[in-house]
Amino acid sequence: MLMEIGSPENVPAFMEKVERRERVLVGFGHRVYKNVDPRSTAIRALADEVFRVTGRNKLLDTALTLADYARKSEFMRSRNLYPNVDFYSGLIYQAMGFPLDFYPVLFAVPRCVGWLAHWRQMMLNPSGVKIWRPRQIYLGEGERNYVEAAQRKEKRDVTVFDAPSPILHGDDSKRNAMATYKDETGRAWGRAKL
């Protein structure tokens, strides 16, 4: 979305389309945080640290203008639309050199940690937590010690749930091309093995 907007002066025209419901606004609003998402404040500060190392992302000015628009706009305030944690994280991923195709996974991985933290909180708190969606109980093994891969023993009666199964993807050549990593000198490294 920020790449499409392009520059700060294009924010008002884009937001007019959002207000007419012609465009979707991403990176704003949250189901629980009805005002400012406190995580967005923290990740905004983290973005500054990252940009000191990688160089300032050109889209940051566009993002800041959009966030300022949200803060001042009655349309946005009346709908509790303020930047959420994902609004700035994409800029950080871009500054770190991740291809756009990787963003869905990069957005999901931290959520897994959060889901596990919520699960643990739910298990330890008899009254539960406010936003607990899964309706399941883990019945797997409890705490286990780490065993080096070379010392692991083969399991008997292996099922489909004991090991990953191969999944064939369509258009692997395009995915591999998008997953090619270039280092800071522009040298391309091996393609991903998807």
Protein backbone atom coordinates (compact mmCIF):
# COMPACT_ATOMS: atom_id res chain seq x y z
CA MET A 1 0.00 0.00 0.00
CA LEU A 2 2.80 2.42 0.90
CA MET A 3 4.61 1.61 -2.33
CA GLU A 4 1.43 2.33 -4.25
CA ILE A 5 0.91 5.67 -2.45
CA GLY A 6 4.53 6.44 -3.24
CA SER A 7 5.15 9.76 -1.54
CA PRO A 8 3.68 11.91 1.26
CA GLU A 9 1.92 14.31 -1.11
CA ASN A 10 -0.21 11.41 -2.44
CA VAL A 11 -1.62 10.51 0.99
CA PRO A 12 -4.68 12.85 0.93
CA ALA A 13 -5.84 11.55 -2.49
CA PHE A 14 -5.41 7.94 -1.35
CA MET A 15 -7.30 8.61 1.88
CA GLU A 16 -10.18 10.21 -0.06
CA LYS A 17 -10.55 6.87 -1.87
CA VAL A 18 -10.44 5.02 1.47
CA GLU A 19 -13.15 7.27 2.90
CA ARG A 20 -15.32 6.63 -0.20
CA ARG A 21 -14.68 2.90 0.37
CA GLU A 22 -12.94 2.55 -2.98
CA ARG A 23 -9.66 1.42 -1.38
CA VAL A 24 -8.76 -0.73 1.61
CA LEU A 25 -6.53 0.71 4.31
CA VAL A 26 -4.08 -1.84 5.74
CA GLY A 27 -1.97 -1.56 8.88
CA PHE A 28 -4.60 0.39 10.84
CA GLY A 29 -7.01 -0.64 13.57
CA HIS A 30 -7.07 -3.53 16.02
CA ARG A 31 -9.77 -5.69 17.57
CA VAL A 32 -8.60 -5.01 21.12
CA TYR A 33 -6.62 -1.77 21.05
CA LYS A 34 -9.32 0.82 20.37
CA ASN A 35 -6.95 3.76 20.59
CA VAL A 36 -3.26 3.67 19.77
CA ASP A 37 -1.75 0.18 19.56
CA PRO A 38 1.10 0.37 22.12
CA ARG A 39 3.10 -2.10 20.06
CA SER A 40 3.05 0.31 17.11
CA THR A 41 4.75 2.94 19.28
CA ALA A 42 7.44 0.43 20.26
CA ILE A 43 8.01 -0.83 16.72
CA ARG A 44 8.13 2.74 15.41
CA ALA A 45 11.07 3.36 17.77
CA LEU A 46 12.62 0.06 16.63
CA ALA A 47 12.27 1.21 13.01
CA ASP A 48 14.43 4.24 13.81
CA GLU A 49 17.12 1.93 15.24
CA VAL A 50 16.99 -0.30 12.15
CA PHE A 51 17.16 2.69 9.78
CA ARG A 52 20.24 4.00 11.58
CA VAL A 53 21.96 0.77 10.49
CA THR A 54 20.36 0.15 7.08
CA GLY A 55 19.69 3.70 5.95
CA ARG A 56 16.34 5.47 6.06
CA ASN A 57 13.55 3.75 4.15
CA LYS A 58 12.15 6.16 1.57
CA LEU A 59 8.59 5.07 2.38
CA LEU A 60 8.92 6.09 6.04
CA ASP A 61 7.93 9.66 5.22
CA THR A 62 4.83 8.38 3.45
CA ALA A 63 4.02 6.17 6.45
CA LEU A 64 4.49 9.02 8.90
CA THR A 65 2.26 11.30 6.82
CA LEU A 66 -0.41 8.59 6.70
CA ALA A 67 -0.17 8.09 10.50
CA ASP A 68 -0.45 11.85 11.02
CA TYR A 69 -3.48 11.94 8.74
CA ALA A 70 -5.08 9.17 10.82
CA ARG A 71 -4.42 11.08 14.03
CA LYS A 72 -6.10 14.25 12.70
CA SER A 73 -8.91 12.75 10.58
CA GLU A 74 -12.39 12.58 12.08
CA PHE A 75 -13.16 9.68 9.71
CA MET A 76 -10.24 7.68 11.13
CA ARG A 77 -10.77 8.62 14.78
CA SER A 78 -14.49 7.80 14.67
CA ARG A 79 -13.59 4.29 13.51
CA ASN A 80 -10.66 3.86 15.92
CA LEU A 81 -8.23 3.51 13.01
CA TYR A 82 -4.72 4.12 14.24
CA PRO A 83 -1.49 2.46 13.06
CA ASN A 84 -1.10 -1.08 14.37
CA VAL A 85 2.08 -3.12 14.82
CA ASP A 86 2.10 -4.33 11.20
CA PHE A 87 2.08 -0.80 9.81
CA TYR A 88 5.78 -0.21 10.54
CA SER A 89 7.04 -3.80 10.51
CA GLY A 90 6.80 -4.05 6.71
CA LEU A 91 9.15 -1.07 6.40
CA ILE A 92 11.62 -2.79 8.70
CA TYR A 93 11.45 -6.02 6.69
CA GLN A 94 12.05 -4.05 3.49
CA ALA A 95 15.04 -2.24 5.02
CA MET A 96 16.47 -5.60 6.06
CA GLY A 97 16.27 -6.83 2.46
CA PHE A 98 13.47 -9.40 2.72
CA PRO A 99 11.57 -9.96 -0.54
CA LEU A 100 7.87 -9.00 -0.41
CA ASP A 101 6.96 -12.65 -0.93
CA PHE A 102 8.39 -13.44 2.52
CA TYR A 103 6.24 -10.90 4.41
CA PRO A 104 3.26 -13.20 5.16
CA VAL A 105 5.56 -15.67 6.92
CA LEU A 106 7.42 -12.87 8.70
CA PHE A 107 4.10 -11.46 9.94
CA ALA A 108 2.94 -14.93 11.07
CA VAL A 109 6.03 -16.11 12.97
CA PRO A 110 5.82 -13.49 15.77
CA ARG A 111 2.11 -14.23 16.09
CA CYS A 112 2.92 -17.87 16.80
CA VAL A 113 4.98 -16.70 19.77
CA GLY A 114 2.05 -14.56 20.90
CA TRP A 115 -0.39 -17.43 20.51
CA LEU A 116 1.86 -19.64 22.61
CA ALA A 117 2.13 -16.91 25.24
CA HIS A 118 -1.68 -16.60 25.30
CA TRP A 119 -2.02 -20.37 25.56
CA ARG A 120 0.37 -20.40 28.52
CA GLN A 121 -1.47 -17.50 30.15
CA MET A 122 -4.78 -19.28 29.62
CA MET A 123 -3.43 -22.46 31.16
CA LEU A 124 -2.02 -20.64 34.21
CA ASN A 125 -4.99 -18.33 34.82
CA PRO A 126 -8.18 -20.05 36.06
CA SER A 127 -10.35 -17.16 34.80
CA GLY A 128 -8.78 -17.12 31.32
CA VAL A 129 -7.92 -14.12 29.16
CA LYS A 130 -10.07 -11.62 27.26
CA ILE A 131 -9.28 -12.65 23.69
CA TRP A 132 -8.83 -16.39 23.65
CA ARG A 133 -10.17 -17.78 20.38
CA PRO A 134 -8.89 -21.37 19.99
CA ARG A 135 -11.22 -23.99 21.40
CA GLN A 136 -8.73 -26.77 21.83
CA ILE A 137 -6.68 -28.47 24.49
CA TYR A 138 -3.14 -29.64 23.79
CA LEU A 139 -2.86 -33.37 24.50
CA GLY A 140 0.68 -33.90 23.25
CA GLU A 141 3.83 -34.54 25.19
CA GLY A 142 4.81 -32.27 28.06
CA GLU A 143 8.20 -30.68 28.67
CA ARG A 144 11.04 -32.64 27.09
CA ASN A 145 14.82 -32.31 27.06
CA TYR A 146 16.49 -31.36 23.79
CA VAL A 147 18.21 -34.27 22.05
CA GLU A 148 20.87 -33.61 19.40
CA ALA A 149 19.74 -34.76 15.95
CA ALA A 150 22.53 -37.38 15.71
CA GLN A 151 21.42 -38.99 19.00
CA ARG A 152 17.70 -39.17 18.18
CA LYS A 153 16.21 -42.63 17.77
CA GLU A 154 13.72 -43.67 15.12
CA LYS A 155 10.15 -43.86 16.39
CA ARG A 156 8.11 -46.99 15.95
CA ASP A 157 4.70 -46.84 14.30
CA VAL A 158 5.38 -43.51 12.59
CA THR A 159 2.25 -41.71 11.35
CA VAL A 160 1.72 -38.81 8.98
CA PHE A 161 1.87 -36.50 12.02
CA ASP A 162 5.42 -37.53 12.97
CA ALA A 163 7.25 -36.06 10.00
CA PRO A 164 6.69 -33.34 7.43
CA SER A 165 5.13 -34.47 4.18
CA PRO A 166 6.21 -33.07 0.81
CA ILE A 167 3.87 -30.47 -0.69
CA LEU A 168 4.14 -29.59 -4.35
CA HIS A 169 3.65 -25.93 -5.24
CA GLY A 170 2.64 -24.54 -8.58
CA ASP A 171 5.01 -22.21 -10.41
CA ASP A 172 8.06 -23.05 -8.31
CA SER A 173 10.36 -21.28 -10.76
CA LYS A 174 8.69 -17.93 -10.05
CA ARG A 175 8.83 -18.54 -6.29
CA ASN A 176 12.50 -19.50 -6.50
CA ALA A 177 13.29 -16.38 -8.50
CA MET A 178 11.52 -14.20 -5.93
CA ALA A 179 13.37 -15.93 -3.10
CA THR A 180 16.84 -15.25 -4.52
CA TYR A 181 18.87 -13.44 -1.90
CA LYS A 182 21.21 -10.59 -2.81
CA ASP A 183 23.77 -9.47 -0.27
CA GLU A 184 24.79 -5.86 0.37
CA THR A 185 27.19 -5.94 -2.61
CA GLY A 186 24.39 -7.03 -4.96
CA ARG A 187 25.80 -10.54 -5.38
CA ALA A 188 23.02 -13.10 -5.83
CA TRP A 189 23.19 -16.18 -3.62
CA GLY A 190 21.53 -19.54 -4.21
CA ARG A 191 17.89 -19.82 -4.95
CA ALA A 192 15.50 -21.12 -2.31
CA LYS A 193 14.66 -24.80 -2.46
CA LEU A 194 10.86 -24.59 -2.27
